[in-house]
Every structure is written in C-alpha cells, then in structure tokens.
Protein backbone atom coordinates (compact mmCIF):
# COMPACT_ATOMS: atom_id res chain seq x y z
CA UNK A 1 90.57 54.16 110.11
CA UNK A 2 90.89 57.02 112.58
CA UNK A 3 94.44 57.99 113.61
CA UNK A 4 95.70 60.22 116.42
CA UNK A 5 99.19 61.75 116.08
CA UNK A 6 100.70 63.11 119.29
CA UNK A 7 103.03 66.12 119.06
CA UNK A 8 103.23 69.62 117.60
CA UNK A 9 106.44 69.83 115.57
CA UNK A 10 107.65 69.47 112.01
CA UNK A 11 107.99 65.73 112.48
CA UNK A 12 104.33 65.43 113.40
CA UNK A 13 103.25 67.57 110.44
CA UNK A 14 105.23 65.25 108.15
CA UNK A 15 103.59 62.18 109.73
CA UNK A 16 100.12 63.70 109.34
CA UNK A 17 100.96 64.71 105.73
CA UNK A 18 101.98 61.14 104.88
CA UNK A 19 99.01 59.55 106.64
CA UNK A 20 96.66 61.84 104.71
CA UNK A 21 97.84 60.11 101.51
CA UNK A 22 96.61 56.70 102.71
CA UNK A 23 93.30 55.49 101.27
CA UNK A 24 92.77 53.57 104.52
CA UNK A 25 92.74 56.71 106.68
CA UNK A 26 89.38 58.26 107.50
CA UNK A 27 90.05 60.93 110.14
CA UNK A 28 93.33 62.29 111.47
CA UNK A 29 93.59 64.04 114.83
CA UNK A 30 96.74 65.78 116.08
CA UNK A 31 97.32 66.67 119.74
CA UNK A 32 98.12 69.46 120.18
CA UNK A 33 99.25 70.04 116.57
CA UNK A 34 100.35 73.28 114.92
CA UNK A 35 99.38 75.64 112.10
CA UNK A 36 100.40 73.06 109.49
CA UNK A 37 98.70 70.00 110.93
CA UNK A 38 95.48 72.03 111.11
CA UNK A 39 95.41 72.00 107.29
CA UNK A 40 95.17 68.20 107.17
CA UNK A 41 93.89 67.07 110.55
CA UNK A 42 91.75 68.21 113.44
CA UNK A 43 93.98 69.74 116.09
CA UNK A 44 93.08 68.72 119.63
CA UNK A 45 94.19 71.02 122.49
CA UNK A 46 95.53 68.26 124.76
CA UNK A 47 99.15 68.46 126.01
CA UNK A 48 101.45 65.54 125.12
CA UNK A 49 101.95 64.74 128.82
CA UNK A 50 98.25 64.43 129.69
CA UNK A 51 98.10 60.69 129.10
CA UNK A 52 94.67 60.26 130.72
CA UNK A 53 93.04 62.93 128.53
CA UNK A 54 94.73 61.62 125.38
CA UNK A 55 93.64 58.04 126.09
CA UNK A 56 90.09 59.14 126.85
CA UNK A 57 89.99 61.13 123.61
CA UNK A 58 91.24 58.11 121.63
CA UNK A 59 88.54 55.97 123.20
CA UNK A 60 85.74 58.52 122.71
CA UNK A 61 86.62 59.21 119.06
CA UNK A 62 87.11 55.60 118.06
CA UNK A 63 90.80 56.07 117.27
CA UNK A 64 92.18 52.88 115.69
CA UNK A 65 95.85 53.80 116.08
CA UNK A 66 97.81 56.43 118.00
CA UNK A 67 101.28 57.43 116.74
CA UNK A 68 103.55 59.14 119.27
CA UNK A 69 106.01 61.67 117.83
CA UNK A 70 108.11 63.28 120.62
CA UNK A 71 110.54 61.57 122.96
CA UNK A 72 109.26 63.03 126.25
CA UNK A 73 105.90 61.20 126.36
CA UNK A 74 107.56 58.00 125.12
CA UNK A 75 110.06 58.07 127.97
CA UNK A 76 107.21 58.96 130.32
CA UNK A 77 105.47 55.69 129.47
CA UNK A 78 102.59 56.81 127.25
CA UNK A 79 102.76 53.57 125.24
CA UNK A 80 102.45 51.48 128.42
CA UNK A 81 99.54 53.69 129.52
CA UNK A 82 97.68 53.18 126.23
CA UNK A 83 98.40 49.45 126.05
CA UNK A 84 97.09 48.94 129.58
CA UNK A 85 93.79 50.33 128.27
CA UNK A 86 93.85 48.15 125.13
CA UNK A 87 94.38 51.18 122.87
CA UNK A 88 96.62 50.41 119.85
CA UNK A 89 99.68 52.68 119.90
CA UNK A 90 102.84 52.99 117.80
CA UNK A 91 106.03 53.54 119.76
CA UNK A 92 108.35 51.84 122.27
CA UNK A 93 107.57 51.19 125.93
CA UNK A 94 108.94 53.56 128.55
CA UNK A 95 111.67 51.08 129.43
CA UNK A 96 112.71 50.58 125.79
CA UNK A 97 112.65 54.38 125.22
CA UNK A 98 115.40 54.69 127.85
CA UNK A 99 117.78 53.97 124.98
CA UNK A 100 117.29 57.66 124.19
CA UNK A 101 116.38 58.97 127.63
CA UNK A 102 119.66 57.89 129.23
CA UNK A 103 122.90 57.99 127.27
CA UNK A 104 124.66 55.95 129.95
CA UNK A 105 121.95 53.24 129.66
CA UNK A 106 122.39 53.20 125.87
CA UNK A 107 126.16 52.90 126.32
CA UNK A 108 125.64 50.01 128.76
CA UNK A 109 123.49 48.18 126.20
CA UNK A 110 126.01 48.79 123.40
CA UNK A 111 128.82 47.41 125.55
CA UNK A 112 126.66 44.44 126.53
CA UNK A 113 125.75 43.60 122.94
CA UNK A 114 129.18 44.32 121.43
CA UNK A 115 128.05 47.29 119.35
CA UNK A 116 130.85 49.64 118.22
CA UNK A 117 130.74 53.11 119.81
CA UNK A 118 133.07 55.76 121.22
CA UNK A 119 135.04 55.08 124.41
CA UNK A 120 133.38 56.83 127.33
CA UNK A 121 132.96 57.33 131.06
CA UNK A 122 129.91 58.62 132.92
CA UNK A 123 129.91 60.85 136.03
CA UNK A 124 127.54 62.23 138.62
CA UNK A 125 130.31 64.14 140.41
CA UNK A 126 131.56 67.38 138.85
CA UNK A 127 135.12 67.21 140.21
CA UNK A 128 135.57 63.63 138.99
CA UNK A 129 134.31 64.55 135.54
CA UNK A 130 136.61 67.58 135.46
CA UNK A 131 139.64 65.49 136.41
CA UNK A 132 138.82 62.94 133.69
CA UNK A 133 138.44 65.64 131.01
CA UNK A 134 141.77 67.18 132.00
CA UNK A 135 143.41 63.77 131.85
CA UNK A 136 141.96 62.97 128.41
CA UNK A 137 142.44 66.39 126.82
CA UNK A 138 140.63 67.85 123.80
CA UNK A 139 138.91 67.51 121.42
CA UNK A 140 136.35 65.63 123.50
CA UNK A 141 132.56 65.29 123.65
CA UNK A 142 130.49 66.18 126.73
CA UNK A 143 126.85 65.01 126.87
CA UNK A 144 124.04 65.56 129.34
CA UNK A 145 122.80 62.06 130.13
CA UNK A 146 119.09 62.83 129.74
CA UNK A 147 116.82 64.54 127.24
CA UNK A 148 117.85 68.10 126.37
CA UNK A 149 115.91 68.88 123.18
CA UNK A 150 118.89 68.04 121.00
CA UNK A 151 121.08 70.68 122.69
CA UNK A 152 122.77 68.67 125.44
CA UNK A 153 125.78 67.57 123.39
CA UNK A 154 128.89 69.78 123.32
CA UNK A 155 131.75 68.93 120.98
CA UNK A 156 134.62 70.68 122.75
CA UNK A 157 137.54 71.60 120.51
CA UNK A 158 139.63 72.86 123.43
CA UNK A 159 140.10 71.90 127.06
CA UNK A 160 138.64 75.26 128.08
CA UNK A 161 135.43 74.52 126.12
CA UNK A 162 135.17 71.07 127.73
CA UNK A 163 135.59 72.50 131.23
CA UNK A 164 132.97 75.16 130.49
CA UNK A 165 130.58 72.51 129.16
CA UNK A 166 130.89 70.49 132.36
CA UNK A 167 130.35 73.59 134.49
CA UNK A 168 127.31 74.66 132.45
CA UNK A 169 125.69 71.21 132.65
CA UNK A 170 126.62 70.05 136.15
CA UNK A 171 127.03 73.25 138.18
CA UNK A 172 124.72 75.73 136.44
CA UNK A 173 122.16 72.96 135.70
CA UNK A 174 121.48 74.36 132.22
CA UNK A 175 119.53 71.21 131.30
CA UNK A 176 118.00 70.56 134.73
CA UNK A 177 117.79 66.94 135.83
CA UNK A 178 118.93 65.79 132.38
CA UNK A 179 122.42 66.96 133.34
CA UNK A 180 122.59 65.31 136.75
CA UNK A 181 124.79 62.71 135.07
CA UNK A 182 127.15 63.41 132.17
CA UNK A 183 128.72 61.10 129.64
CA UNK A 184 132.20 62.09 128.42
CA UNK A 185 133.20 60.48 125.13
CA UNK A 186 136.21 60.33 122.87
CA UNK A 187 135.95 62.62 119.87
CA UNK A 188 135.27 60.59 116.72
CA UNK A 189 136.28 61.80 113.28
CA UNK A 190 134.43 60.86 110.12
CA UNK A 191 131.15 61.50 108.38
CA UNK A 192 127.84 61.45 110.21
CA UNK A 193 124.93 59.32 109.09
CA UNK A 194 121.39 58.78 110.36
CA UNK A 195 119.73 55.42 109.77
CA UNK A 196 116.17 55.07 111.02
CA UNK A 197 114.51 51.66 111.08
CA UNK A 198 111.04 50.30 111.70
CA UNK A 199 111.40 47.63 114.40
CA UNK A 200 108.72 45.31 115.82
CA UNK A 201 110.84 43.41 118.32
CA UNK A 202 113.46 41.60 116.27
CA UNK A 203 112.38 42.36 112.69
CA UNK A 204 114.23 45.40 111.31
CA UNK A 205 113.16 47.31 108.19
CA UNK A 206 115.68 50.10 107.52
CA UNK A 207 114.61 53.40 105.96
CA UNK A 208 116.61 55.45 103.46
CA UNK A 209 119.75 57.03 104.90
CA UNK A 210 119.81 60.71 105.83
CA UNK A 211 122.30 63.27 107.12
CA UNK A 212 121.40 65.97 109.63
CA UNK A 213 123.09 69.37 110.04
CA UNK A 214 123.15 70.09 113.77
CA UNK A 215 125.21 73.29 113.99
CA UNK A 216 123.30 76.53 113.59
CA UNK A 217 125.54 78.21 111.00
CA UNK A 218 127.01 77.37 107.60
CA UNK A 219 130.14 75.26 107.58
CA UNK A 220 129.07 73.48 110.78
CA UNK A 221 129.83 76.54 112.90
CA UNK A 222 128.11 77.68 116.10
CA UNK A 223 126.24 75.76 118.80
CA UNK A 224 124.28 72.55 118.31
CA UNK A 225 120.56 72.81 117.59
CA UNK A 226 117.67 70.41 117.19
CA UNK A 227 118.68 70.25 113.51
CA UNK A 228 118.95 72.96 110.84
CA UNK A 229 118.34 70.77 107.82
CA UNK A 230 118.85 67.35 106.32
CA UNK A 231 118.84 65.36 103.10
CA UNK A 232 118.14 61.81 101.94
CA UNK A 233 119.40 59.48 100.74
CA UNK A 234 123.12 60.00 101.41
CA UNK A 235 124.84 59.27 98.06
CA UNK A 236 128.32 58.83 99.49
CA UNK A 237 127.19 55.87 101.64
CA UNK A 238 127.22 52.59 99.70
CA UNK A 239 124.48 49.98 99.82
CA UNK A 240 127.03 47.53 101.25
CA UNK A 241 127.89 49.91 104.10
CA UNK A 242 124.23 50.36 105.02
CA UNK A 243 123.66 46.59 104.96
CA UNK A 244 126.68 46.17 107.23
CA UNK A 245 125.28 48.73 109.71
CA UNK A 246 121.95 46.91 109.79
CA UNK A 247 123.59 43.53 110.38
CA UNK A 248 126.25 44.57 112.91
CA UNK A 249 124.49 47.36 114.80
CA UNK A 250 120.72 47.70 114.37
CA UNK A 251 119.76 44.02 114.39
CA UNK A 252 122.04 43.12 117.34
CA UNK A 253 120.54 46.01 119.34
CA UNK A 254 116.97 44.91 118.57
CA UNK A 255 117.75 41.25 119.29
CA UNK A 256 119.58 42.09 122.50
CA UNK A 257 116.77 44.26 123.84
CA UNK A 258 114.24 41.53 123.01
CA UNK A 259 116.39 38.95 124.82
CA UNK A 260 116.62 41.21 127.86
CA UNK A 261 112.83 41.53 128.06
CA UNK A 262 112.63 45.12 126.75
CA UNK A 263 111.65 44.57 123.10
CA UNK A 264 111.73 47.72 120.99
CA UNK A 265 108.68 48.45 118.84
CA UNK A 266 108.50 51.62 116.79
CA UNK A 267 111.20 53.66 115.06
CA UNK A 268 114.77 53.09 116.18
CA UNK A 269 117.01 55.98 115.16
CA UNK A 270 120.69 55.11 114.88
CA UNK A 271 123.03 58.11 114.73
CA UNK A 272 126.41 57.02 113.37
CA UNK A 273 129.91 58.25 112.69
CA UNK A 274 131.60 56.54 109.76
CA UNK A 275 135.19 56.42 111.04
CA UNK A 276 138.36 54.95 109.55
CA UNK A 277 137.74 51.87 111.73
CA UNK A 278 134.18 51.55 110.43
CA UNK A 279 130.73 52.70 111.58
CA UNK A 280 130.36 53.60 115.28
CA UNK A 281 127.21 54.63 117.11
CA UNK A 282 126.96 58.24 118.27
CA UNK A 283 123.48 57.84 119.76
CA UNK A 284 120.23 55.94 119.60
CA UNK A 285 116.85 57.67 119.60
CA UNK A 286 113.51 56.03 120.25
CA UNK A 287 111.40 57.78 117.58
CA UNK A 288 111.29 59.47 114.20
CA UNK A 289 114.03 62.10 113.92
CA UNK A 290 113.32 65.77 113.41
CA UNK A 291 114.08 67.04 110.75
CA UNK A 292 115.00 63.63 109.25
CA UNK A 293 111.33 62.65 109.04
CA UNK A 294 110.71 65.61 106.75
CA UNK A 295 112.99 64.07 104.07
CA UNK A 296 112.40 60.38 104.74
CA UNK A 297 108.60 60.21 104.58
CA UNK A 298 108.34 62.02 101.20
CA UNK A 299 110.46 59.18 99.77
CA UNK A 300 108.36 56.37 101.31
CA UNK A 301 106.32 54.46 98.75
CA UNK A 302 104.59 51.98 101.08
CA UNK A 303 101.52 53.15 103.01
CA UNK A 304 102.76 54.53 106.37
CA UNK A 305 99.60 53.38 108.14
CA UNK A 306 100.18 49.79 106.98
CA UNK A 307 103.76 49.90 108.28
CA UNK A 308 102.72 51.27 111.67
CA UNK A 309 99.96 48.68 112.06
CA UNK A 310 102.33 45.85 111.08
CA UNK A 311 104.86 47.12 113.64
CA UNK A 312 102.28 47.26 116.42
CA UNK A 313 100.96 43.78 115.56
CA UNK A 314 104.39 42.16 115.20
CA UNK A 315 103.85 41.49 111.48
CA UNK A 316 106.64 43.63 110.00
CA UNK A 317 108.47 40.60 108.58
CA UNK A 318 105.66 39.97 106.09
CA UNK A 319 105.57 43.56 104.78
CA UNK A 320 107.70 44.88 101.92
CA UNK A 321 108.76 48.47 102.66
CA UNK A 322 109.48 50.24 99.35
CA UNK A 323 111.15 53.58 98.62
CA UNK A 324 111.00 56.02 95.71
CA UNK A 325 114.13 56.48 93.59
CA UNK A 326 114.25 60.19 94.35
CA UNK A 327 116.00 62.58 96.73
CA UNK A 328 114.78 65.10 99.30
CA UNK A 329 116.39 68.12 100.98
CA UNK A 330 114.92 69.94 104.00
CA UNK A 331 116.01 73.46 104.98
CA UNK A 332 114.93 74.65 108.44
CA UNK A 333 113.89 78.30 108.77
CA UNK A 334 114.51 79.41 112.35
CA UNK A 335 113.42 82.33 114.52
CA UNK A 336 115.91 85.14 115.25
CA UNK A 337 118.12 84.17 118.21
CA UNK A 338 117.59 80.41 117.92
CA UNK A 339 118.99 78.20 119.48
CA UNK A 340 119.13 80.75 122.33
CA UNK A 341 116.18 82.96 123.30
CA UNK A 342 113.88 83.96 120.46
CA UNK A 343 110.69 86.01 120.00
CA UNK A 344 107.30 84.53 119.13
CA UNK A 345 104.33 85.85 117.22
CA UNK A 346 106.19 86.95 114.07
CA UNK A 347 103.87 86.85 111.06
CA UNK A 348 104.97 84.54 108.24
CA UNK A 349 104.58 85.66 104.63
CA UNK A 350 104.59 83.53 101.48
CA UNK A 351 103.08 80.30 102.78
CA UNK A 352 100.26 80.54 100.23
CA UNK A 353 102.68 80.25 97.29
CA UNK A 354 102.77 76.79 95.74
CA UNK A 355 106.00 75.27 94.43
CA UNK A 356 106.23 72.06 92.40
CA UNK A 357 108.10 69.33 94.25
CA UNK A 358 108.02 71.16 97.59
CA UNK A 359 106.34 70.38 100.91
CA UNK A 360 106.46 73.00 103.69
CA UNK A 361 106.28 71.37 107.11
CA UNK A 362 105.29 73.60 110.04
CA UNK A 363 107.23 73.18 113.28
CA UNK A 364 106.90 76.24 115.54
CA UNK A 365 103.80 77.90 114.10
CA UNK A 366 100.38 78.94 115.33
CA UNK A 367 97.28 80.31 113.62
CA UNK A 368 96.28 83.84 114.71
CA UNK A 369 93.59 86.30 113.61
CA UNK A 370 96.24 87.99 111.45
CA UNK A 371 97.54 84.79 109.88
CA UNK A 372 100.19 82.13 110.57
CA UNK A 373 102.79 83.26 113.11
CA UNK A 374 105.93 81.84 114.71
CA UNK A 375 105.63 80.04 118.03
CA UNK A 376 108.95 78.20 118.33
CA UNK A 377 112.65 78.25 117.53
CA UNK A 378 112.57 76.04 114.48
CA UNK A 379 109.64 77.49 112.57
CA UNK A 380 109.42 75.71 109.21
CA UNK A 381 111.04 72.78 107.42
CA UNK A 382 111.00 73.46 103.68
CA UNK A 383 111.47 70.16 101.81
CA UNK A 384 112.31 69.88 98.14
CA UNK A 385 111.79 66.55 96.37
CA UNK A 386 113.48 65.81 93.04
CA UNK A 387 114.95 63.19 90.72
CA UNK A 388 118.34 63.70 92.37
CA UNK A 389 119.95 65.63 95.24
CA UNK A 390 120.76 68.68 93.12
CA UNK A 391 117.15 69.03 91.89
CA UNK A 392 115.76 68.54 95.41
CA UNK A 393 118.16 71.12 96.85
CA UNK A 394 117.31 73.67 94.18
CA UNK A 395 113.57 73.22 94.78
CA UNK A 396 113.98 73.64 98.55
CA UNK A 397 116.03 76.84 98.38
CA UNK A 398 113.79 78.41 95.72
CA UNK A 399 110.83 77.90 98.06
CA UNK A 400 112.77 79.20 101.09
CA UNK A 401 113.50 82.45 99.26
CA UNK A 402 109.77 83.06 98.76
CA UNK A 403 108.92 82.68 102.49
CA UNK A 404 109.74 85.34 105.05
CA UNK A 405 109.30 86.48 108.64
CA UNK A 406 111.22 89.06 110.63
CA UNK A 407 114.74 87.90 111.50
CA UNK A 408 114.38 84.49 109.82
CA UNK A 409 117.67 82.65 109.41
CA UNK A 410 118.67 79.38 107.82
CA UNK A 411 121.74 77.55 106.61
CA UNK A 412 122.60 77.98 102.94
CA UNK A 413 124.77 74.85 102.70
CA UNK A 414 122.39 71.95 103.37
CA UNK A 415 123.55 68.96 101.26
CA UNK A 416 126.29 71.05 99.62
CA UNK A 417 129.13 68.81 100.80
CA UNK A 418 127.43 65.74 99.33
CA UNK A 419 127.28 67.59 96.02
CA UNK A 420 130.93 68.62 96.19
CA UNK A 421 130.17 72.33 96.65
C-alpha cells in the first residue's frame, strides 16, 4: 500500500519510521517532511495547508491512506476535504478536532459528559478576566483558547505572573487570534500523565502511558515549550488507574461525541493530572502528541498501518493492539534561544553514528549542500529503547552526547523523577 504522511516534525518522522517496518507498506510519501523523513520516504514539497494540492497528489500517486500529523490542518478540515473526495484519511473531522482547537469547547464537552477537570471560566474581555484572576488569586492557570504551538498555557505562581499572562495574551496578542478568548483554570496539584488512545467512534484502544516534560529547563523551570522530552510507560501509574481513566474519561468522551453527531476517529490525546481527588483532565488533543509519539511508537508491536486502517473503517473493536514489554525515553535537543527566537542553518554533527537501541527522530532539520542543518526550535528527538526505564534513559543520553550543533541545549533530567533520582 502507498501511504502519505502529512507534517514535518519529529512526530511525523516517528510515524514514517514505524510505517516503514510494515510489510504491507509499499511507498511512503511525506509532505513536506524533513531531513529525517527523507531517509525513509519521498518528501513532497506541499504545505500542510494546501488541501487541494495534497488531495490531488494522493489521487495521482495512488495513495491508499493519508495520515495527518499536525493539529492545524486537522482543525482546518483536511479530513473532511479528503473524505468528500473519497480519499481514505486517518484523523478526526474539523468539528471533532475542535476538542483541541478550542479549550472552552473542550471544557463545555467535559461538563456536558461529566468528565472530571479543573474549575474554570472563559473570557473574551480583558478587564473581566483580570478581575476574575484577582478574585481567585494565585497559583492559577491562564490558557489561550486556541492553538498556540504548545506555548499558550501559563502556570502563574504569583498574581503578578497571572496578570502579565493575561496582558500578553489579550492585549499584546502574543498568540494572535488564538488568544482572543482565554480560559482561566484552578491550579491542580499532582503528577501529570499523557494517555493517547486510538478511537474509531466509540471503540477505544489505549496506548502505553507517557509523561511529557514541558518546561524548558531541568527541574521543570522556565517557560513552557512544545515538549523537551518524554518517557513511556510511566511506572508509577498502576494498571488499575489507567483502566479507570479509560472507563471514566476516555470512553465517556468518545461516546458523548458520537451521541452528539461529532464522532471522533483518530488519536485522542488525554492530558491528565493525577490529583488527590483522582485523575482530572488538563487538556484533550486531536492527534498524536509530540514528543510522546517518539516513545510510544517504538513500543508498539501491532502493525501501525493495520491500526490506522481499522480506525478509518470502524473496525478497531476486532483488532488486538499489542505492546512490547520495554521502555523508551526521548530527549529533545533544541536550538539556542528556544522557546524564544532561535537561529536556523546550524550544521549538525554526529548523526552518522549508530547506537544500539536508539532511534534519532528529526524535528526541525533540513538537508543542505553541507549536510543536515537545523531549521526549527526543537531540532531532534533522541529516543533510547531498553528493557527498563533506566536502560532506555542511559541509551538516550549516551546518544545525545555524541550529537552536536552550535548552542544545542537539552534537559538532563528526563525520566529522572520516575527513577527516584
């Protein structure tokens, strides 16, 4: 079968890498792709928002399935566009993707379906939001309602930080239209957990658990990023807890959306806080997480293509999704300055070195006449796979130390808390 993967990040490289292991896959195309996807697929220079060109390419090349990676085209309705042209595509409709595209919409659905989450209010007026924050006090969480590349959430430890967050989002328009509405939430204490699930309407097949590290510096210091590293599975989360999350949160959300005429098909990402009162939803996303995908897919035993086809065809219930009894740790190597402004075009050294139990996923890279260079903020996701978390972590960091580019920075504590370090 011929498969088209849409996107150009580390998530898409991981998807291409996993698809390349399927005996059922003939050709893989990636639009627009990056320096890593070019090693396994044919990169196609079509932007993710050019739905007409992407659909025409899929038709001309006999693409049997298109898998959409990023959230922007999903929210823009690319799945609807492809389905209207009878082109098989993996991902939720534009309406279903609103669960990620609008935090206030997601909160409305959670309230409607009785899904536990933080108390909140949403605002389109700056003065009203400011008055509410001052009334509630800190710590408190301020979120841009729309998509902001993983950077629109500010956990304010002080009232001053909360007021500044509101001003930055609503008055300075730091995130453009995404910040026209803000959601202000209570601060939840506990341990974070990511649970991604394959969903084909009402059937839910959970993946292994993972834990992201959002803050840019060690010890969860500094501003939020798109994700500086992750690991899977999360050993401190019991099987019973995960089953409870599936039964009380993921399945009710899928069933509720199906009942309301907006069935979700694709990957439903549930971001959770495990509080003293139990699991509560921090956010829902409408696609594979990044960098969670870089640790989840290496642990997947079942053919990814088979899972995607079953999801698209509504046959997920009949498929057994199996996982390896191993662990994976991903360390993100970022460009100097990230998550603020950063340079591009820095040559990367050491990518030709092979390491047992390691997969290097390209995110912000591009091929030049001089070699592979940086082209984004998060440049590489270096994933170690091992018999346990300690072995996976050791493999990842050994590989990281052999790769370099000017000003590269990364966290040195990915998965350390889970290992008691």
